[in-house]
Amino acid sequence: MKRFLIASILVALAPFATYANGSAQTAPPAPAPTATPEPKHRLFQSGPQFIAAGVSVASNISSEFRPGSTSMLPSFAAWQTGETTLLGRFHVLSYTDYRSFAYRHAASDPVATVGGTGFTTIPAFQIHDDEMESGGGIRLLPQIYAGLETFARRENTGYPTLHGIGYTVMLAPNPSTHITPYGWISYTPNTGSNYVTPTSSTALTYRALRYRTGLLINEPNTRLYLDLGVAGEDLHNRTNAPATIRDTMVTAGLGLRF
């Protein structure tokens, strides 16, 4: 009887002992997973930006003032390009290309007249050209972009400033490698203006193909680059142009990534 009472007491106290040592506690339910909020994309997110400037080390030009091909005087060139991401998904590349060069017209060189209908002679003088091209477009392939460009050319020859809008294809430099190619090529189907004299106004237009390509060589552990490139253009007659303008230059300079 005594054993039965002891056993009954132990059975009755067992749930309290189990609760005391915590073995019968049930684990709290796991919190429900919270949805990860989508990242908020900024309208403009700047990517790699490059800027470079240099001089031509070998160049030549052919125009109505200098038939054939002749060496230019030392010239200056500068360019800038940069990538931007719009709304986190649209990748855009833009560039600006500035070139300033000079060459001499010799008095003995015949000069083609507007319209290419004849030749005349003028005194010797130094010709100075300034050109600016800006373009931009969207990414088609990694590092490859396509879009539109604007072009303007001004010179001290008495001809009007040429300007037009065309198409461009661009190769963006890769900032993650020590040596990276870059470049762009553009085609402007109608660039020109009106050549105005006291007695007439004549449309003077060209079809322009322009290009720049090169290599950026990084100085290790810096943002400095050696820029070695080639640039040039071909302006062919569209309406009343005296002659084809063709120039090429090999450039060397310094670049900076920021």
Protein backbone atom coordinates (compact mmCIF):
# COMPACT_ATOMS: atom_id res chain seq x y z
CA MET A 1 0.00 0.00 0.00
CA LYS A 2 2.83 2.38 0.89
CA ARG A 3 4.55 1.66 -2.44
CA PHE A 4 1.32 2.34 -4.27
CA LEU A 5 0.91 5.73 -2.58
CA ILE A 6 4.53 6.73 -3.40
CA ALA A 7 4.07 5.72 -7.01
CA SER A 8 0.80 7.66 -7.23
CA ILE A 9 2.46 10.79 -5.80
CA LEU A 10 5.38 10.54 -8.28
CA VAL A 11 2.99 10.17 -11.22
CA ALA A 12 1.00 13.20 -10.06
CA LEU A 13 4.13 15.36 -9.66
CA ALA A 14 5.77 14.34 -12.95
CA PRO A 15 4.13 17.09 -15.12
CA PHE A 16 5.26 19.76 -12.65
CA ALA A 17 8.83 18.47 -12.67
CA THR A 18 8.89 18.42 -16.48
CA TYR A 19 7.56 21.98 -16.65
CA ALA A 20 10.17 23.08 -14.11
CA ASN A 21 13.15 21.92 -16.16
CA GLY A 22 11.69 23.38 -19.37
CA SER A 23 11.77 20.19 -21.43
CA ALA A 24 8.07 20.36 -22.14
CA GLN A 25 8.12 23.98 -23.36
CA THR A 26 7.23 24.35 -27.00
CA ALA A 27 9.54 26.45 -29.20
CA PRO A 28 8.11 29.86 -30.12
CA PRO A 29 6.91 29.99 -33.72
CA ALA A 30 9.45 31.34 -36.22
CA PRO A 31 8.69 34.90 -37.30
CA ALA A 32 7.14 35.17 -40.73
CA PRO A 33 9.74 36.18 -43.35
CA THR A 34 9.54 39.82 -44.31
CA ALA A 35 9.56 40.75 -47.97
CA THR A 36 12.81 42.34 -49.10
CA PRO A 37 12.01 45.83 -50.39
CA GLU A 38 13.03 46.52 -53.94
CA PRO A 39 16.03 48.87 -54.16
CA LYS A 40 15.16 52.43 -55.04
CA HIS A 41 16.97 53.39 -58.22
CA ARG A 42 18.23 56.90 -58.62
CA LEU A 43 17.29 58.69 -61.81
CA PHE A 44 20.94 59.31 -62.70
CA GLN A 45 23.72 57.05 -61.43
CA SER A 46 27.12 58.12 -62.69
CA GLY A 47 29.51 55.46 -63.96
CA PRO A 48 33.16 55.66 -65.09
CA GLN A 49 34.16 59.08 -66.43
CA PHE A 50 37.29 59.80 -68.46
CA ILE A 51 38.89 63.00 -69.71
CA ALA A 52 42.06 63.35 -71.78
CA ALA A 53 44.05 66.01 -73.62
CA GLY A 54 47.08 65.80 -75.89
CA VAL A 55 48.83 66.96 -79.02
CA SER A 56 49.27 65.48 -82.47
CA VAL A 57 52.68 63.94 -83.14
CA ALA A 58 52.07 63.13 -86.83
CA SER A 59 49.30 64.57 -88.95
CA ASN A 60 48.39 65.63 -92.46
CA ILE A 61 45.56 67.36 -94.27
CA SER A 62 44.15 67.82 -97.75
CA SER A 63 41.64 70.56 -98.63
CA GLU A 64 40.84 73.13 -101.31
CA PHE A 65 43.56 75.34 -99.79
CA ARG A 66 46.18 72.62 -99.73
CA PRO A 67 45.75 70.06 -102.55
CA GLY A 68 47.25 66.65 -101.92
CA SER A 69 48.53 65.94 -98.43
CA THR A 70 50.73 68.08 -96.25
CA SER A 71 51.87 68.06 -92.65
CA MET A 72 49.90 70.15 -90.20
CA LEU A 73 51.39 72.37 -87.57
CA PRO A 74 51.32 70.99 -84.00
CA SER A 75 47.67 70.64 -82.98
CA PHE A 76 45.69 70.23 -79.79
CA ALA A 77 42.99 67.65 -79.07
CA ALA A 78 40.85 66.92 -76.03
CA TRP A 79 38.00 64.53 -75.33
CA GLN A 80 35.72 63.42 -72.54
CA THR A 81 33.48 60.39 -72.17
CA GLY A 82 31.33 59.02 -69.39
CA GLU A 83 28.75 56.36 -68.60
CA THR A 84 25.44 56.91 -66.79
CA THR A 85 22.74 54.50 -65.62
CA LEU A 86 19.17 55.77 -65.79
CA LEU A 87 16.58 54.30 -63.39
CA GLY A 88 18.92 51.40 -62.66
CA ARG A 89 18.49 49.72 -66.04
CA PHE A 90 19.19 52.01 -69.01
CA HIS A 91 22.91 52.42 -69.72
CA VAL A 92 23.94 55.56 -71.58
CA LEU A 93 27.33 56.72 -72.87
CA SER A 94 28.15 60.28 -73.92
CA TYR A 95 31.29 61.92 -75.29
CA THR A 96 32.69 65.28 -76.40
CA ASP A 97 35.58 65.52 -78.85
CA TYR A 98 37.39 68.84 -79.45
CA ARG A 99 40.10 69.31 -82.06
CA SER A 100 42.07 72.43 -82.96
CA PHE A 101 44.64 72.33 -85.74
CA ALA A 102 46.43 74.61 -88.18
CA TYR A 103 48.24 74.37 -91.51
CA ARG A 104 49.61 76.78 -94.10
CA HIS A 105 48.25 77.66 -97.51
CA ALA A 106 51.00 78.45 -100.01
CA ALA A 107 50.45 81.23 -102.56
CA SER A 108 51.47 78.81 -105.31
CA ASP A 109 48.63 76.39 -104.48
CA PRO A 110 45.49 76.84 -106.62
CA VAL A 111 42.30 77.14 -104.57
CA ALA A 112 39.11 75.43 -105.72
CA THR A 113 36.13 77.77 -105.78
CA VAL A 114 32.73 77.17 -104.15
CA GLY A 115 30.84 74.72 -106.31
CA GLY A 116 34.07 73.18 -107.59
CA THR A 117 33.69 74.97 -110.94
CA GLY A 118 37.15 76.53 -111.15
CA PHE A 119 40.30 77.66 -109.40
CA THR A 120 41.72 80.91 -108.13
CA THR A 121 44.86 82.11 -106.36
CA ILE A 122 45.08 83.89 -103.01
CA PRO A 123 48.01 85.04 -100.87
CA ALA A 124 49.66 82.65 -98.44
CA PHE A 125 48.22 82.53 -94.94
CA GLN A 126 47.87 80.19 -91.97
CA ILE A 127 44.56 78.34 -91.69
CA HIS A 128 43.15 77.52 -88.27
CA ASP A 129 40.29 75.04 -87.71
CA ASP A 130 38.31 74.38 -84.54
CA GLU A 131 35.96 71.41 -84.37
CA MET A 132 33.58 70.17 -81.69
CA GLU A 133 31.60 66.95 -81.72
CA SER A 134 29.29 65.69 -78.99
CA GLY A 135 27.39 62.42 -79.04
CA GLY A 136 25.55 59.93 -76.90
CA GLY A 137 23.58 56.73 -77.05
CA ILE A 138 22.33 53.60 -75.33
CA ARG A 139 24.15 50.32 -74.73
CA LEU A 140 23.66 47.58 -77.32
CA LEU A 141 26.39 45.19 -76.11
CA PRO A 142 28.91 45.35 -73.27
CA GLN A 143 31.03 48.47 -73.96
CA ILE A 144 29.21 49.10 -77.29
CA TYR A 145 26.76 52.02 -77.61
CA ALA A 146 24.93 53.70 -80.50
CA GLY A 147 23.08 56.99 -80.80
CA LEU A 148 23.21 60.52 -82.21
CA GLU A 149 25.85 63.23 -82.44
CA THR A 150 26.18 66.92 -83.26
CA PHE A 151 29.12 68.40 -85.13
CA ALA A 152 30.41 71.95 -85.68
CA ARG A 153 33.47 73.17 -87.60
CA ARG A 154 34.75 76.76 -87.68
CA GLU A 155 37.73 78.09 -89.62
CA ASN A 156 39.32 81.43 -90.47
CA THR A 157 39.08 81.02 -94.25
CA GLY A 158 35.93 83.07 -94.75
CA TYR A 159 33.69 80.02 -95.07
CA PRO A 160 30.70 79.79 -92.70
CA THR A 161 30.64 77.57 -89.63
CA LEU A 162 29.55 74.06 -90.58
CA HIS A 163 27.13 72.24 -88.32
CA GLY A 164 24.96 69.14 -88.49
CA ILE A 165 23.42 66.16 -86.70
CA GLY A 166 24.30 62.55 -87.43
CA TYR A 167 24.79 59.04 -86.07
CA THR A 168 27.50 57.56 -83.90
CA VAL A 169 28.75 54.20 -82.61
CA MET A 170 30.91 54.22 -79.49
CA LEU A 171 33.28 51.86 -77.66
CA ALA A 172 33.46 52.72 -73.95
CA PRO A 173 36.80 52.31 -72.14
CA ASN A 174 36.86 49.58 -69.49
CA PRO A 175 38.04 50.95 -66.11
CA SER A 176 38.79 47.49 -64.68
CA THR A 177 41.76 46.75 -66.97
CA HIS A 178 45.18 48.40 -67.15
CA ILE A 179 45.06 48.70 -70.94
CA THR A 180 41.70 49.42 -72.56
CA PRO A 181 40.65 50.49 -76.05
CA TYR A 182 38.12 53.24 -76.66
CA GLY A 183 36.71 55.09 -79.61
CA TRP A 184 33.80 56.38 -81.65
CA ILE A 185 32.91 56.80 -85.30
CA SER A 186 30.23 59.16 -86.57
CA TYR A 187 28.49 59.91 -89.83
CA THR A 188 26.80 63.26 -90.44
CA PRO A 189 24.88 63.09 -93.73
CA ASN A 190 24.30 66.83 -93.97
CA THR A 191 26.68 69.28 -92.31
CA GLY A 192 27.06 72.80 -93.60
CA SER A 193 25.63 76.30 -93.82
CA ASN A 194 25.07 79.11 -96.31
CA TYR A 195 28.05 80.82 -97.93
CA VAL A 196 26.97 84.43 -98.13
CA THR A 197 28.53 87.13 -100.32
CA PRO A 198 27.28 90.67 -100.99
CA THR A 199 25.47 89.40 -104.08
CA SER A 200 24.51 85.78 -103.33
CA SER A 201 23.83 83.03 -100.80
CA THR A 202 24.94 79.50 -101.62
CA ALA A 203 24.27 76.33 -99.63
CA LEU A 204 27.62 74.76 -98.75
CA THR A 205 27.21 71.25 -97.32
CA TYR A 206 29.22 68.06 -96.82
CA ARG A 207 28.78 64.44 -95.86
CA ALA A 208 31.10 64.00 -92.88
CA LEU A 209 32.69 60.82 -91.54
CA ARG A 210 34.74 61.33 -88.36
CA TYR A 211 36.49 58.97 -85.98
CA ARG A 212 38.72 58.71 -82.94
CA THR A 213 40.17 55.52 -81.50
CA GLY A 214 42.98 54.71 -79.13
CA LEU A 215 44.34 52.95 -76.08
CA LEU A 216 44.32 54.08 -72.47
CA ILE A 217 47.28 52.68 -70.50
CA ASN A 218 46.84 52.94 -66.73
CA GLU A 219 49.59 53.93 -64.32
CA PRO A 220 49.21 51.22 -61.63
CA ASN A 221 47.49 52.29 -58.41
CA THR A 222 46.49 55.66 -59.85
CA ARG A 223 43.71 57.11 -61.98
CA LEU A 224 46.16 58.44 -64.56
CA TYR A 225 46.36 57.05 -68.09
CA LEU A 226 48.63 57.45 -71.07
CA ASP A 227 46.41 58.12 -74.08
CA LEU A 228 47.64 56.98 -77.51
CA GLY A 229 45.19 57.47 -80.35
CA VAL A 230 44.34 58.18 -83.95
CA ALA A 231 41.73 60.70 -85.12
CA GLY A 232 40.56 61.87 -88.49
CA GLU A 233 37.74 62.88 -90.77
CA ASP A 234 36.54 62.90 -94.38
CA LEU A 235 34.18 65.66 -95.51
CA HIS A 236 32.84 64.90 -99.00
CA ASN A 237 30.83 67.20 -101.23
CA ARG A 238 27.06 67.20 -100.79
CA THR A 239 26.21 70.57 -102.34
CA ASN A 240 28.65 73.15 -103.75
CA ALA A 241 31.67 72.08 -101.68
CA PRO A 242 34.94 73.21 -103.31
CA ALA A 243 36.85 69.99 -102.53
CA THR A 244 37.06 67.04 -100.18
CA ILE A 245 38.54 67.83 -96.77
CA ARG A 246 40.53 64.95 -95.32
CA ASP A 247 42.76 64.98 -92.26
CA THR A 248 44.35 62.41 -89.98
CA MET A 249 46.36 62.79 -86.82
CA VAL A 250 48.17 60.55 -84.36
CA THR A 251 47.76 61.89 -80.83
CA ALA A 252 49.48 61.37 -77.52
CA GLY A 253 48.35 62.75 -74.20
CA LEU A 254 47.33 62.14 -70.61
CA GLY A 255 43.99 60.93 -69.35
CA LEU A 256 42.24 60.89 -65.99
CA ARG A 257 39.47 58.66 -64.64
CA PHE A 258 37.17 60.18 -62.05
